[in-house]
C-alpha atoms as a PDB file:
ATOM      1  CA  ILE A   1      71.593 -35.154  13.491  1.00  0.00           C
ATOM      2  CA  ARG A   2      71.846 -34.290  17.152  1.00  0.00           C
ATOM      3  CA  ASP A   3      70.682 -31.119  18.916  1.00  0.00           C
ATOM      4  CA  SER A   4      71.653 -30.489  22.529  1.00  0.00           C
ATOM      5  CA  ILE A   5      68.100 -29.492  23.487  1.00  0.00           C
ATOM      6  CA  LEU A   6      66.682 -32.596  21.827  1.00  0.00           C
ATOM      7  CA  ASP A   7      69.365 -34.986  23.069  1.00  0.00           C
ATOM      8  CA  THR A   8      70.274 -33.898  26.597  1.00  0.00           C
ATOM      9  CA  ALA A   9      67.145 -32.343  28.051  1.00  0.00           C
ATOM     10  CA  GLU A  10      64.818 -35.142  27.038  1.00  0.00           C
ATOM     11  CA  PRO A  11      66.451 -38.098  25.282  1.00  0.00           C
ATOM     12  CA  SER A  12      63.091 -39.256  23.923  1.00  0.00           C
ATOM     13  CA  LEU A  13      63.022 -36.212  21.604  1.00  0.00           C
ATOM     14  CA  ALA A  14      66.092 -37.375  19.698  1.00  0.00           C
ATOM     15  CA  GLY A  15      64.109 -40.109  17.966  1.00  0.00           C
ATOM     16  CA  ALA A  16      60.718 -38.411  18.023  1.00  0.00           C
ATOM     17  CA  SER A  17      58.620 -38.255  14.889  1.00  0.00           C
ATOM     18  CA  GLN A  18      58.452 -34.950  13.046  1.00  0.00           C
ATOM     19  CA  ALA A  19      54.809 -34.494  14.015  1.00  0.00           C
ATOM     20  CA  SER A  20      55.628 -34.639  17.729  1.00  0.00           C
ATOM     21  CA  ILE A  21      58.241 -31.839  17.904  1.00  0.00           C
ATOM     22  CA  THR A  22      56.608 -28.549  18.871  1.00  0.00           C
ATOM     23  CA  VAL A  23      57.862 -25.151  19.997  1.00  0.00           C
ATOM     24  CA  GLU A  24      56.249 -25.742  23.402  1.00  0.00           C
ATOM     25  CA  ARG A  25      58.041 -29.062  23.803  1.00  0.00           C
ATOM     26  CA  CYS A  26      61.417 -27.533  22.836  1.00  0.00           C
ATOM     27  CA  TRP A  27      60.836 -24.641  25.253  1.00  0.00           C
ATOM     28  CA  ARG A  28      59.781 -27.022  28.042  1.00  0.00           C
ATOM     29  CA  ASN A  29      62.963 -29.052  27.485  1.00  0.00           C
ATOM     30  CA  PHE A  30      65.092 -25.899  27.499  1.00  0.00           C
ATOM     31  CA  CYS A  31      63.498 -24.804  30.803  1.00  0.00           C
ATOM     32  CA  SER A  32      63.760 -28.200  32.494  1.00  0.00           C
ATOM     33  CA  LYS A  33      66.041 -28.582  35.500  1.00  0.00           C
ATOM     34  CA  GLU A  34      69.553 -29.724  34.692  1.00  0.00           C
ATOM     35  CA  VAL A  35      71.609 -31.648  37.242  1.00  0.00           C
ATOM     36  CA  LEU A  36      75.187 -30.445  37.613  1.00  0.00           C
ATOM     37  CA  GLY A  37      77.426 -33.045  39.172  1.00  0.00           C
ATOM     38  CA  GLY A  38      80.792 -34.733  38.983  1.00  0.00           C
ATOM     39  CA  ASP A  39      83.244 -32.864  36.763  1.00  0.00           C
ATOM     40  CA  ASN A  40      80.326 -30.645  35.689  1.00  0.00           C
ATOM     41  CA  GLY A  41      79.510 -29.676  39.285  1.00  0.00           C
ATOM     42  CA  PHE A  42      78.929 -26.204  40.664  1.00  0.00           C
ATOM     43  CA  ARG A  43      82.040 -24.463  41.970  1.00  0.00           C
ATOM     44  CA  CYS A  44      81.326 -23.653  45.608  1.00  0.00           C
ATOM     45  CA  GLU A  45      83.984 -23.069  48.253  1.00  0.00           C
ATOM     46  CA  ALA A  46      81.412 -22.699  51.063  1.00  0.00           C
ATOM     47  CA  CYS A  47      79.306 -25.815  50.373  1.00  0.00           C
ATOM     48  CA  GLU A  48      79.776 -28.767  52.706  1.00  0.00           C
ATOM     49  CA  ASP A  49      78.876 -31.536  50.259  1.00  0.00           C
ATOM     50  CA  THR A  50      81.692 -30.852  47.800  1.00  0.00           C
ATOM     51  CA  PHE A  51      84.337 -33.009  46.278  1.00  0.00           C
ATOM     52  CA  VAL A  52      87.820 -31.820  45.394  1.00  0.00           C
ATOM     53  CA  LEU A  53      88.589 -31.727  41.696  1.00  0.00           C
ATOM     54  CA  THR A  54      91.974 -30.080  42.202  1.00  0.00           C
ATOM     55  CA  PRO A  55      93.523 -28.663  45.404  1.00  0.00           C
ATOM     56  CA  ASP A  56      92.071 -25.229  44.481  1.00  0.00           C
ATOM     57  CA  THR A  57      88.703 -26.343  43.087  1.00  0.00           C
ATOM     58  CA  ARG A  58      85.813 -27.779  45.099  1.00  0.00           C
ATOM     59  CA  LEU A  59      82.695 -28.833  43.185  1.00  0.00           C
ATOM     60  CA  SER A  60      79.226 -29.484  44.543  1.00  0.00           C
ATOM     61  CA  ASN A  61      76.186 -31.189  43.054  1.00  0.00           C
ATOM     62  CA  ALA A  62      73.552 -28.655  42.045  1.00  0.00           C
ATOM     63  CA  THR A  63      70.680 -28.029  39.655  1.00  0.00           C
ATOM     64  CA  ARG A  64      70.120 -25.129  37.298  1.00  0.00           C
ATOM     65  CA  GLN A  65      67.068 -24.053  35.372  1.00  0.00           C
ATOM     66  CA  MET A  66      66.357 -21.379  32.762  1.00  0.00           C
ATOM     67  CA  THR A  67      63.045 -19.544  33.221  1.00  0.00           C
ATOM     68  CA  LEU A  68      61.555 -16.159  32.377  1.00  0.00           C
ATOM     69  CA  HIS A  69      61.919 -13.540  35.098  1.00  0.00           C
ATOM     70  CA  SER A  70      59.270 -11.401  33.395  1.00  0.00           C
ATOM     71  CA  ALA A  71      57.285 -11.742  30.203  1.00  0.00           C
ATOM     72  CA  PRO A  72      58.350  -9.355  27.424  1.00  0.00           C
ATOM     73  CA  LEU A  73      55.905  -7.314  25.363  1.00  0.00           C
ATOM     74  CA  THR A  74      57.080  -9.074  22.213  1.00  0.00           C
ATOM     75  CA  LEU A  75      58.450 -12.590  22.474  1.00  0.00           C
ATOM     76  CA  THR A  76      61.149 -13.721  20.060  1.00  0.00           C
ATOM     77  CA  LEU A  77      62.228 -17.354  20.128  1.00  0.00           C
ATOM     78  CA  HIS A  78      65.365 -18.613  18.413  1.00  0.00           C
ATOM     79  CA  LEU A  79      65.661 -22.358  18.015  1.00  0.00           C
ATOM     80  CA  LYS A  80      69.191 -23.707  17.998  1.00  0.00           C
ATOM     81  CA  ARG A  81      69.493 -25.572  14.730  1.00  0.00           C
ATOM     82  CA  PHE A  82      73.209 -26.398  14.812  1.00  0.00           C
ATOM     83  CA  ALA A  83      74.889 -28.965  17.003  1.00  0.00           C
ATOM     84  CA  HIS A  84      78.416 -30.192  17.599  1.00  0.00           C
ATOM     85  CA  SER A  85      79.020 -33.848  16.836  1.00  0.00           C
ATOM     86  CA  ALA A  86      81.970 -36.178  16.382  1.00  0.00           C
ATOM     87  CA  TYR A  87      82.141 -34.962  12.759  1.00  0.00           C
ATOM     88  CA  GLY A  88      82.107 -31.226  13.576  1.00  0.00           C
ATOM     89  CA  PHE A  89      79.020 -29.040  13.387  1.00  0.00           C
ATOM     90  CA  GLU A  90      75.824 -30.306  11.783  1.00  0.00           C
ATOM     91  CA  LYS A  91      72.531 -28.640  10.963  1.00  0.00           C
ATOM     92  CA  ASN A  92      69.347 -30.029  12.504  1.00  0.00           C
ATOM     93  CA  ASP A  93      66.642 -30.001   9.804  1.00  0.00           C
ATOM     94  CA  GLN A  94      63.949 -31.597  11.962  1.00  0.00           C
ATOM     95  CA  PHE A  95      60.566 -29.918  11.427  1.00  0.00           C
ATOM     96  CA  VAL A  96      59.188 -28.067  14.471  1.00  0.00           C
ATOM     97  CA  ARG A  97      55.450 -27.334  14.674  1.00  0.00           C
ATOM     98  CA  PHE A  98      54.328 -24.087  16.252  1.00  0.00           C
ATOM     99  CA  PRO A  99      50.877 -22.944  17.351  1.00  0.00           C
ATOM    100  CA  GLU A 100      49.140 -19.684  16.495  1.00  0.00           C
ATOM    101  CA  PHE A 101      49.049 -18.850  20.221  1.00  0.00           C
ATOM    102  CA  LEU A 102      51.739 -19.619  22.801  1.00  0.00           C
ATOM    103  CA  ASP A 103      51.202 -19.393  26.564  1.00  0.00           C
ATOM    104  CA  ALA A 104      54.344 -18.339  28.472  1.00  0.00           C
ATOM    105  CA  ARG A 105      53.029 -19.130  31.974  1.00  0.00           C
ATOM    106  CA  PRO A 106      54.636 -22.598  32.226  1.00  0.00           C
ATOM    107  CA  PHE A 107      58.041 -21.020  31.569  1.00  0.00           C
ATOM    108  CA  LEU A 108      57.957 -18.314  34.243  1.00  0.00           C
ATOM    109  CA  GLY A 109      60.250 -18.508  37.242  1.00  0.00           C
ATOM    110  CA  PRO A 110      58.882 -18.739  40.790  1.00  0.00           C
ATOM    111  CA  HIS A 111      59.218 -14.981  41.448  1.00  0.00           C
ATOM    112  CA  ALA A 112      57.866 -13.756  38.085  1.00  0.00           C
ATOM    113  CA  SER A 113      54.774 -11.580  37.922  1.00  0.00           C
ATOM    114  CA  ARG A 114      51.727 -13.389  36.620  1.00  0.00           C
ATOM    115  CA  SER A 115      49.493 -10.309  36.550  1.00  0.00           C
ATOM    116  CA  GLN A 116      50.064  -9.462  32.887  1.00  0.00           C
ATOM    117  CA  ALA A 117      48.809 -11.200  29.753  1.00  0.00           C
ATOM    118  CA  LEU A 118      51.138 -14.074  28.952  1.00  0.00           C
ATOM    119  CA  GLU A 119      49.697 -15.386  25.720  1.00  0.00           C
ATOM    120  CA  TYR A 120      51.549 -14.540  22.516  1.00  0.00           C
ATOM    121  CA  ARG A 121      50.214 -14.687  18.965  1.00  0.00           C
ATOM    122  CA  LEU A 122      52.519 -15.888  16.226  1.00  0.00           C
ATOM    123  CA  TYR A 123      53.413 -13.052  13.887  1.00  0.00           C
ATOM    124  CA  GLY A 124      56.204 -14.458  11.780  1.00  0.00           C
ATOM    125  CA  VAL A 125      58.696 -17.256  11.220  1.00  0.00           C
ATOM    126  CA  VAL A 126      62.146 -17.069   9.631  1.00  0.00           C
ATOM    127  CA  VAL A 127      63.393 -20.291   8.051  1.00  0.00           C
ATOM    128  CA  HIS A 128      66.949 -21.067   6.909  1.00  0.00           C
ATOM    129  CA  SER A 129      67.282 -23.425   3.984  1.00  0.00           C
ATOM    130  CA  GLY A 130      70.708 -24.676   3.074  1.00  0.00           C
ATOM    131  CA  SER A 131      73.717 -25.922   4.960  1.00  0.00           C
ATOM    132  CA  LEU A 132      76.201 -24.631   7.506  1.00  0.00           C
ATOM    133  CA  HIS A 133      78.234 -23.141   4.669  1.00  0.00           C
ATOM    134  CA  GLY A 134      75.504 -21.192   2.918  1.00  0.00           C
ATOM    135  CA  GLY A 135      71.841 -20.927   2.143  1.00  0.00           C
ATOM    136  CA  HIS A 136      68.905 -18.571   2.169  1.00  0.00           C
ATOM    137  CA  TYR A 137      66.536 -17.155   4.759  1.00  0.00           C
ATOM    138  CA  THR A 138      62.833 -16.958   4.024  1.00  0.00           C
ATOM    139  CA  CYS A 139      60.432 -14.992   6.204  1.00  0.00           C
ATOM    140  CA  PHE A 140      56.767 -15.890   6.592  1.00  0.00           C
ATOM    141  CA  ILE A 141      54.646 -13.137   8.162  1.00  0.00           C
ATOM    142  CA  ARG A 142      51.023 -13.340   9.259  1.00  0.00           C
ATOM    143  CA  ARG A 143      48.754 -11.093   7.248  1.00  0.00           C
ATOM    144  CA  LEU A 144      47.262  -8.547   9.603  1.00  0.00           C
ATOM    145  CA  ASP A 145      44.048  -6.571   9.361  1.00  0.00           C
ATOM    146  CA  LEU A 146      45.618  -3.127   8.962  1.00  0.00           C
ATOM    147  CA  ASP A 147      42.254  -1.385   9.487  1.00  0.00           C
ATOM    148  CA  ALA A 148      42.133  -2.884  12.993  1.00  0.00           C
ATOM    149  CA  MET A 149      45.524  -1.402  13.858  1.00  0.00           C
ATOM    150  CA  LEU A 150      45.730   2.283  14.708  1.00  0.00           C
ATOM    151  CA  VAL A 151      49.002   3.767  15.876  1.00  0.00           C
ATOM    152  CA  ARG A 152      48.967   7.109  17.698  1.00  0.00           C
ATOM    153  CA  ALA A 153      51.740   9.234  19.062  1.00  0.00           C
ATOM    154  CA  PRO A 154      51.782   9.684  22.866  1.00  0.00           C
ATOM    155  CA  GLY A 155      49.315  12.412  23.862  1.00  0.00           C
ATOM    156  CA  GLU A 156      47.479  12.326  20.511  1.00  0.00           C
ATOM    157  CA  GLU A 157      43.688  12.293  20.822  1.00  0.00           C
ATOM    158  CA  ASP A 158      41.058  10.503  18.695  1.00  0.00           C
END
């Protein structure tokens, strides 16, 4: 089963063993630079190094990259588990390992603030079992020490 993140960003992931696929590796592949060229070039009328696709369309070679502009308070990751193939859509059931802590610094853009804490602790995972046509979702949530958590309304004192 093919997944665009696994196949196009880093071809070596397509045949990787289950033990080697991690959330960090998927995120790194998603944030890697992608070359846009040929028929998939960047539409730019002002660029000098363009080629003409049609009389009205000039395309230029370019790169694009997805990064975080700022780190959110709570990070939610959604892994694409469905891919288009010659046979239609298929589900990718490849196991992905995830750590208890995830550092977002490698995924920040060049102008992002690095002054805040950028390490996230895993709280929960939702897993879909089944096929494209049906199935069930199961949620696994980390057990928290509720005595350590104290929520107060703004302005409320101890």
